[in-house]
Amino acid sequence: MSTTSSAPMPATGSLQLVEAVIERFDGAPVGERRRWSDEFKAQAVAAALEPGVNVSALARRLGISPPQLFGWRKAFLKKQNADVPEVTVTSLVEIVVGEVTVRVAPDLSEAALRRILRAVRSS
């Protein structure tokens, strides 16, 4: 059985600096990142949202990576959901006075309801 050992660290407490230099891999893109216009992104996302569209195939046809288009689409949908106010459905109470129908929320105060009914009866 053979054992290997590494050189012992100096006991002086000094630190050693190691510098690593990274070289560009062959085939890696050279130059700065591509910037897509907002118009291009909007058109790409609109096409990606069409029913039955294969988003990966669309991205390749447009010359972009599928994860890029999926990211744009996700950001667009997130923004759309944030822009839509949350709607709460509440039931209404209908009160018919003669030919007039009054619809009020069930949490309307009694005093406010009395004022509304008085106004309807006096008209």
N, C-alpha and C. Protein backbone atom coordinates (compact mmCIF):
# COMPACT_ATOMS: atom_id res chain seq x y z
N MET A 1 0.84 -1.16 0.00
CA MET A 1 0.00 0.00 0.00
C MET A 1 0.90 1.23 0.00
N SER A 2 0.64 2.11 -0.96
CA SER A 2 1.49 3.30 -1.02
C SER A 2 0.71 4.49 -0.50
N THR A 3 1.39 5.38 0.11
CA THR A 3 0.78 6.60 0.61
C THR A 3 1.49 7.78 -0.02
N THR A 4 0.72 8.80 -0.25
CA THR A 4 1.32 10.03 -0.78
C THR A 4 1.13 11.11 0.24
N SER A 5 2.07 11.96 0.32
CA SER A 5 1.95 13.07 1.26
C SER A 5 2.31 14.35 0.53
N SER A 6 1.72 15.41 0.97
CA SER A 6 2.02 16.70 0.36
C SER A 6 3.09 17.39 1.20
N ALA A 7 3.68 18.38 0.61
CA ALA A 7 4.73 19.12 1.32
C ALA A 7 4.10 19.83 2.51
N PRO A 8 4.77 19.81 3.62
CA PRO A 8 4.22 20.46 4.81
C PRO A 8 4.18 21.97 4.62
N MET A 9 3.17 22.60 5.22
CA MET A 9 3.05 24.05 5.17
C MET A 9 4.10 24.67 6.08
N PRO A 10 4.64 25.82 5.68
CA PRO A 10 5.62 26.46 6.55
C PRO A 10 4.98 26.86 7.87
N ALA A 11 5.71 26.72 8.92
CA ALA A 11 5.20 27.00 10.25
C ALA A 11 5.35 28.46 10.63
N THR A 12 5.76 29.30 9.70
CA THR A 12 6.00 30.70 10.03
C THR A 12 4.72 31.51 10.08
N GLY A 13 3.59 30.95 9.63
CA GLY A 13 2.33 31.67 9.66
C GLY A 13 2.17 32.63 8.50
N SER A 14 3.05 32.56 7.53
CA SER A 14 2.92 33.46 6.39
C SER A 14 1.90 32.91 5.41
N LEU A 15 1.30 33.78 4.67
CA LEU A 15 0.33 33.38 3.66
C LEU A 15 0.98 33.36 2.30
N GLN A 16 0.51 32.48 1.46
CA GLN A 16 1.01 32.42 0.10
C GLN A 16 -0.09 32.85 -0.86
N LEU A 17 0.25 33.61 -1.87
CA LEU A 17 -0.70 34.08 -2.85
C LEU A 17 -0.63 33.19 -4.09
N VAL A 18 -1.79 32.70 -4.51
CA VAL A 18 -1.88 31.89 -5.71
C VAL A 18 -2.68 32.68 -6.73
N GLU A 19 -2.17 32.81 -7.94
CA GLU A 19 -2.86 33.56 -8.98
C GLU A 19 -3.26 32.60 -10.08
N ALA A 20 -4.54 32.66 -10.47
CA ALA A 20 -5.04 31.81 -11.55
C ALA A 20 -5.40 32.71 -12.73
N VAL A 21 -4.98 32.32 -13.90
CA VAL A 21 -5.28 33.07 -15.10
C VAL A 21 -6.20 32.22 -15.96
N ILE A 22 -7.36 32.78 -16.29
CA ILE A 22 -8.32 32.04 -17.08
C ILE A 22 -8.17 32.45 -18.54
N GLU A 23 -8.07 31.46 -19.39
CA GLU A 23 -7.98 31.73 -20.82
C GLU A 23 -9.31 31.44 -21.47
N ARG A 24 -9.58 32.10 -22.57
CA ARG A 24 -10.82 31.90 -23.32
C ARG A 24 -10.80 30.52 -23.98
N PHE A 25 -11.91 29.79 -23.85
CA PHE A 25 -12.03 28.50 -24.50
C PHE A 25 -12.15 28.70 -26.01
N ASP A 26 -11.69 27.73 -26.77
CA ASP A 26 -11.86 27.78 -28.22
C ASP A 26 -13.35 27.77 -28.54
N GLY A 27 -13.75 28.64 -29.44
CA GLY A 27 -15.15 28.70 -29.86
C GLY A 27 -16.01 29.60 -29.01
N ALA A 28 -15.48 30.13 -27.92
CA ALA A 28 -16.27 31.05 -27.09
C ALA A 28 -16.45 32.36 -27.83
N PRO A 29 -17.63 32.99 -27.69
CA PRO A 29 -17.86 34.23 -28.42
C PRO A 29 -16.89 35.32 -27.99
N VAL A 30 -16.48 36.10 -28.95
CA VAL A 30 -15.56 37.20 -28.68
C VAL A 30 -16.34 38.49 -28.85
N GLY A 31 -16.09 39.43 -28.00
CA GLY A 31 -16.76 40.72 -28.12
C GLY A 31 -17.75 40.91 -27.00
N GLU A 32 -18.44 42.02 -27.05
CA GLU A 32 -19.37 42.31 -25.97
C GLU A 32 -20.71 41.61 -26.20
N ARG A 33 -21.53 41.61 -25.17
CA ARG A 33 -22.83 40.94 -25.24
C ARG A 33 -23.74 41.63 -26.24
N ARG A 34 -24.56 40.82 -26.88
CA ARG A 34 -25.52 41.39 -27.82
C ARG A 34 -26.64 42.06 -27.03
N ARG A 35 -27.12 43.16 -27.54
CA ARG A 35 -28.23 43.89 -26.91
C ARG A 35 -29.41 43.84 -27.87
N TRP A 36 -30.55 43.40 -27.38
CA TRP A 36 -31.73 43.29 -28.21
C TRP A 36 -32.62 44.50 -27.93
N SER A 37 -33.20 45.06 -28.98
CA SER A 37 -34.08 46.22 -28.81
C SER A 37 -35.37 45.78 -28.12
N ASP A 38 -36.02 46.73 -27.48
CA ASP A 38 -37.29 46.43 -26.82
C ASP A 38 -38.33 45.98 -27.84
N GLU A 39 -38.27 46.55 -29.05
CA GLU A 39 -39.22 46.17 -30.11
C GLU A 39 -39.01 44.70 -30.51
N PHE A 40 -37.75 44.29 -30.66
CA PHE A 40 -37.45 42.90 -31.02
C PHE A 40 -37.97 41.96 -29.92
N LYS A 41 -37.68 42.32 -28.66
CA LYS A 41 -38.12 41.48 -27.55
C LYS A 41 -39.65 41.35 -27.53
N ALA A 42 -40.34 42.49 -27.74
CA ALA A 42 -41.81 42.48 -27.73
C ALA A 42 -42.35 41.59 -28.84
N GLN A 43 -41.77 41.67 -30.03
CA GLN A 43 -42.23 40.84 -31.14
C GLN A 43 -41.95 39.37 -30.86
N ALA A 44 -40.78 39.08 -30.30
CA ALA A 44 -40.43 37.69 -30.00
C ALA A 44 -41.35 37.11 -28.94
N VAL A 45 -41.64 37.89 -27.90
CA VAL A 45 -42.52 37.42 -26.82
C VAL A 45 -43.94 37.23 -27.35
N ALA A 46 -44.41 38.17 -28.19
CA ALA A 46 -45.75 38.04 -28.76
C ALA A 46 -45.85 36.75 -29.57
N ALA A 47 -44.83 36.46 -30.36
CA ALA A 47 -44.83 35.23 -31.15
C ALA A 47 -44.77 34.00 -30.24
N ALA A 48 -44.02 34.10 -29.14
CA ALA A 48 -43.89 32.97 -28.22
C ALA A 48 -45.18 32.69 -27.46
N LEU A 49 -46.04 33.68 -27.34
CA LEU A 49 -47.30 33.52 -26.61
C LEU A 49 -48.43 32.99 -27.49
N GLU A 50 -48.18 32.88 -28.79
CA GLU A 50 -49.21 32.34 -29.69
C GLU A 50 -49.50 30.89 -29.31
N PRO A 51 -50.77 30.48 -29.39
CA PRO A 51 -51.10 29.09 -29.05
C PRO A 51 -50.39 28.09 -29.96
N GLY A 52 -49.87 27.04 -29.36
CA GLY A 52 -49.25 25.96 -30.11
C GLY A 52 -47.83 26.22 -30.59
N VAL A 53 -47.23 27.35 -30.21
CA VAL A 53 -45.88 27.68 -30.67
C VAL A 53 -44.85 26.91 -29.86
N ASN A 54 -43.88 26.33 -30.53
CA ASN A 54 -42.75 25.69 -29.88
C ASN A 54 -41.72 26.79 -29.62
N VAL A 55 -41.62 27.21 -28.36
CA VAL A 55 -40.78 28.37 -28.01
C VAL A 55 -39.31 28.10 -28.33
N SER A 56 -38.84 26.90 -28.11
CA SER A 56 -37.43 26.58 -28.40
C SER A 56 -37.15 26.71 -29.90
N ALA A 57 -38.04 26.18 -30.72
CA ALA A 57 -37.86 26.26 -32.18
C ALA A 57 -37.93 27.71 -32.64
N LEU A 58 -38.84 28.48 -32.07
CA LEU A 58 -38.96 29.89 -32.41
C LEU A 58 -37.67 30.63 -32.07
N ALA A 59 -37.13 30.37 -30.89
CA ALA A 59 -35.90 31.04 -30.46
C ALA A 59 -34.76 30.74 -31.44
N ARG A 60 -34.62 29.48 -31.82
CA ARG A 60 -33.56 29.12 -32.76
C ARG A 60 -33.76 29.82 -34.10
N ARG A 61 -35.04 29.90 -34.55
CA ARG A 61 -35.32 30.59 -35.81
C ARG A 61 -34.95 32.06 -35.73
N LEU A 62 -35.12 32.67 -34.55
CA LEU A 62 -34.81 34.09 -34.37
C LEU A 62 -33.32 34.33 -34.11
N GLY A 63 -32.57 33.25 -33.91
CA GLY A 63 -31.13 33.39 -33.67
C GLY A 63 -30.78 33.71 -32.23
N ILE A 64 -31.66 33.34 -31.30
CA ILE A 64 -31.38 33.55 -29.88
C ILE A 64 -31.49 32.21 -29.17
N SER A 65 -30.98 32.16 -27.96
CA SER A 65 -31.04 30.89 -27.23
C SER A 65 -32.44 30.71 -26.64
N PRO A 66 -32.93 29.47 -26.59
CA PRO A 66 -34.24 29.23 -26.00
C PRO A 66 -34.38 29.76 -24.57
N PRO A 67 -33.38 29.57 -23.69
CA PRO A 67 -33.54 30.12 -22.34
C PRO A 67 -33.72 31.65 -22.33
N GLN A 68 -33.11 32.33 -23.30
CA GLN A 68 -33.25 33.78 -23.39
C GLN A 68 -34.72 34.13 -23.66
N LEU A 69 -35.32 33.46 -24.64
CA LEU A 69 -36.72 33.74 -24.98
C LEU A 69 -37.65 33.33 -23.85
N PHE A 70 -37.38 32.19 -23.23
CA PHE A 70 -38.20 31.78 -22.08
C PHE A 70 -38.12 32.83 -20.97
N GLY A 71 -36.94 33.40 -20.75
CA GLY A 71 -36.76 34.43 -19.73
C GLY A 71 -37.54 35.70 -20.06
N TRP A 72 -37.47 36.13 -21.31
CA TRP A 72 -38.23 37.32 -21.73
C TRP A 72 -39.72 37.09 -21.54
N ARG A 73 -40.16 35.89 -21.94
CA ARG A 73 -41.59 35.57 -21.83
C ARG A 73 -42.03 35.56 -20.37
N LYS A 74 -41.21 34.96 -19.51
CA LYS A 74 -41.54 34.90 -18.08
C LYS A 74 -41.61 36.30 -17.48
N ALA A 75 -40.65 37.16 -17.83
CA ALA A 75 -40.64 38.53 -17.31
C ALA A 75 -41.87 39.30 -17.79
N PHE A 76 -42.25 39.10 -19.06
CA PHE A 76 -43.42 39.76 -19.61
C PHE A 76 -44.68 39.33 -18.86
N LEU A 77 -44.84 38.02 -18.67
CA LEU A 77 -46.03 37.52 -17.98
C LEU A 77 -46.08 37.98 -16.53
N LYS A 78 -44.93 38.03 -15.90
CA LYS A 78 -44.87 38.50 -14.51
C LYS A 78 -45.29 39.96 -14.43
N LYS A 79 -44.83 40.77 -15.39
CA LYS A 79 -45.20 42.18 -15.41
C LYS A 79 -46.68 42.34 -15.69
N GLN A 80 -47.23 41.53 -16.60
CA GLN A 80 -48.65 41.59 -16.89
C GLN A 80 -49.47 41.26 -15.66
N ASN A 81 -49.06 40.25 -14.91
CA ASN A 81 -49.79 39.87 -13.70
C ASN A 81 -49.69 40.93 -12.63
N ALA A 82 -48.56 41.63 -12.57
CA ALA A 82 -48.38 42.69 -11.57
C ALA A 82 -49.21 43.91 -11.93
N ASP A 83 -49.45 44.14 -13.23
CA ASP A 83 -50.21 45.32 -13.66
C ASP A 83 -51.72 45.14 -13.52
N VAL A 84 -52.19 43.90 -13.40
CA VAL A 84 -53.61 43.64 -13.28
C VAL A 84 -53.99 43.72 -11.81
N PRO A 85 -54.89 44.66 -11.47
CA PRO A 85 -55.27 44.77 -10.06
C PRO A 85 -56.07 43.53 -9.65
N GLU A 86 -55.87 43.16 -8.42
CA GLU A 86 -56.57 41.98 -7.91
C GLU A 86 -58.04 42.34 -7.71
N VAL A 87 -58.91 41.52 -8.25
CA VAL A 87 -60.33 41.77 -8.16
C VAL A 87 -60.91 40.80 -7.13
N THR A 88 -61.65 41.36 -6.22
CA THR A 88 -62.32 40.51 -5.25
C THR A 88 -63.80 40.48 -5.58
N VAL A 89 -64.33 39.31 -5.58
CA VAL A 89 -65.75 39.16 -5.89
C VAL A 89 -66.51 39.18 -4.59
N THR A 90 -67.46 40.11 -4.52
CA THR A 90 -68.30 40.16 -3.34
C THR A 90 -69.74 40.01 -3.79
N SER A 91 -70.52 39.45 -2.93
CA SER A 91 -71.93 39.32 -3.26
C SER A 91 -72.61 40.66 -2.97
N LEU A 92 -73.65 40.91 -3.70
CA LEU A 92 -74.41 42.13 -3.50
C LEU A 92 -75.80 41.77 -2.98
N VAL A 93 -76.36 42.68 -2.24
CA VAL A 93 -77.72 42.52 -1.75
C VAL A 93 -78.60 43.40 -2.63
N GLU A 94 -79.64 42.79 -3.19
CA GLU A 94 -80.56 43.55 -4.04
C GLU A 94 -81.81 43.88 -3.25
N ILE A 95 -82.19 45.14 -3.30
CA ILE A 95 -83.41 45.60 -2.64
C ILE A 95 -84.27 46.25 -3.72
N VAL A 96 -85.49 45.77 -3.89
CA VAL A 96 -86.41 46.31 -4.89
C VAL A 96 -87.41 47.21 -4.17
N VAL A 97 -87.42 48.47 -4.60
CA VAL A 97 -88.36 49.45 -4.05
C VAL A 97 -89.17 49.97 -5.23
N GLY A 98 -90.41 49.49 -5.38
CA GLY A 98 -91.23 49.87 -6.53
C GLY A 98 -90.58 49.34 -7.79
N GLU A 99 -90.24 50.25 -8.71
CA GLU A 99 -89.61 49.86 -9.97
C GLU A 99 -88.09 50.02 -9.93
N VAL A 100 -87.56 50.35 -8.78
CA VAL A 100 -86.13 50.61 -8.63
C VAL A 100 -85.47 49.44 -7.90
N THR A 101 -84.34 49.00 -8.44
CA THR A 101 -83.55 47.96 -7.79
C THR A 101 -82.28 48.59 -7.26
N VAL A 102 -82.04 48.44 -5.98
CA VAL A 102 -80.84 48.98 -5.34
C VAL A 102 -79.94 47.80 -5.00
N ARG A 103 -78.69 47.85 -5.44
CA ARG A 103 -77.72 46.80 -5.12
C ARG A 103 -76.66 47.40 -4.20
N VAL A 104 -76.48 46.77 -3.06
CA VAL A 104 -75.51 47.27 -2.08
C VAL A 104 -74.65 46.12 -1.58
N ALA A 105 -73.46 46.47 -1.15
CA ALA A 105 -72.57 45.47 -0.56
C ALA A 105 -73.09 45.09 0.82
N PRO A 106 -72.90 43.84 1.21
CA PRO A 106 -73.43 43.40 2.50
C PRO A 106 -72.79 44.10 3.70
N ASP A 107 -71.63 44.71 3.50
CA ASP A 107 -70.99 45.38 4.62
C ASP A 107 -71.34 46.87 4.71
N LEU A 108 -72.33 47.33 3.92
CA LEU A 108 -72.77 48.72 3.97
C LEU A 108 -73.40 48.98 5.34
N SER A 109 -73.09 50.11 5.92
CA SER A 109 -73.62 50.40 7.25
C SER A 109 -75.13 50.63 7.18
N GLU A 110 -75.78 50.39 8.29
CA GLU A 110 -77.23 50.56 8.35
C GLU A 110 -77.61 52.02 8.09
N ALA A 111 -76.86 52.94 8.63
CA ALA A 111 -77.15 54.36 8.43
C ALA A 111 -77.07 54.73 6.95
N ALA A 112 -76.06 54.24 6.24
CA ALA A 112 -75.93 54.54 4.82
C ALA A 112 -77.07 53.91 4.03
N LEU A 113 -77.48 52.69 4.39
CA LEU A 113 -78.58 52.03 3.71
C LEU A 113 -79.88 52.80 3.92
N ARG A 114 -80.13 53.29 5.12
CA ARG A 114 -81.34 54.08 5.39
C ARG A 114 -81.36 55.35 4.53
N ARG A 115 -80.21 56.03 4.39
CA ARG A 115 -80.16 57.25 3.56
C ARG A 115 -80.47 56.93 2.10
N ILE A 116 -79.93 55.80 1.61
CA ILE A 116 -80.16 55.40 0.20
C ILE A 116 -81.65 55.09 0.00
N LEU A 117 -82.24 54.31 0.91
CA LEU A 117 -83.65 53.94 0.77
C LEU A 117 -84.56 55.16 0.88
N ARG A 118 -84.26 56.10 1.78
CA ARG A 118 -85.03 57.33 1.89
C ARG A 118 -84.97 58.12 0.58
N ALA A 119 -83.77 58.17 -0.03
CA ALA A 119 -83.62 58.91 -1.27
C ALA A 119 -84.41 58.25 -2.40
N VAL A 120 -84.43 56.93 -2.43
CA VAL A 120 -85.18 56.21 -3.48
C VAL A 120 -86.67 56.43 -3.30
N ARG A 121 -87.16 56.35 -2.09
CA ARG A 121 -88.61 56.50 -1.82
C ARG A 121 -89.08 57.92 -2.10
N SER A 122 -88.22 58.90 -1.87
CA SER A 122 -88.64 60.29 -2.07
C SER A 122 -88.58 60.71 -3.52
N SER A 123 -87.98 59.93 -4.39
CA SER A 123 -87.87 60.34 -5.80
C SER A 123 -89.06 59.89 -6.61
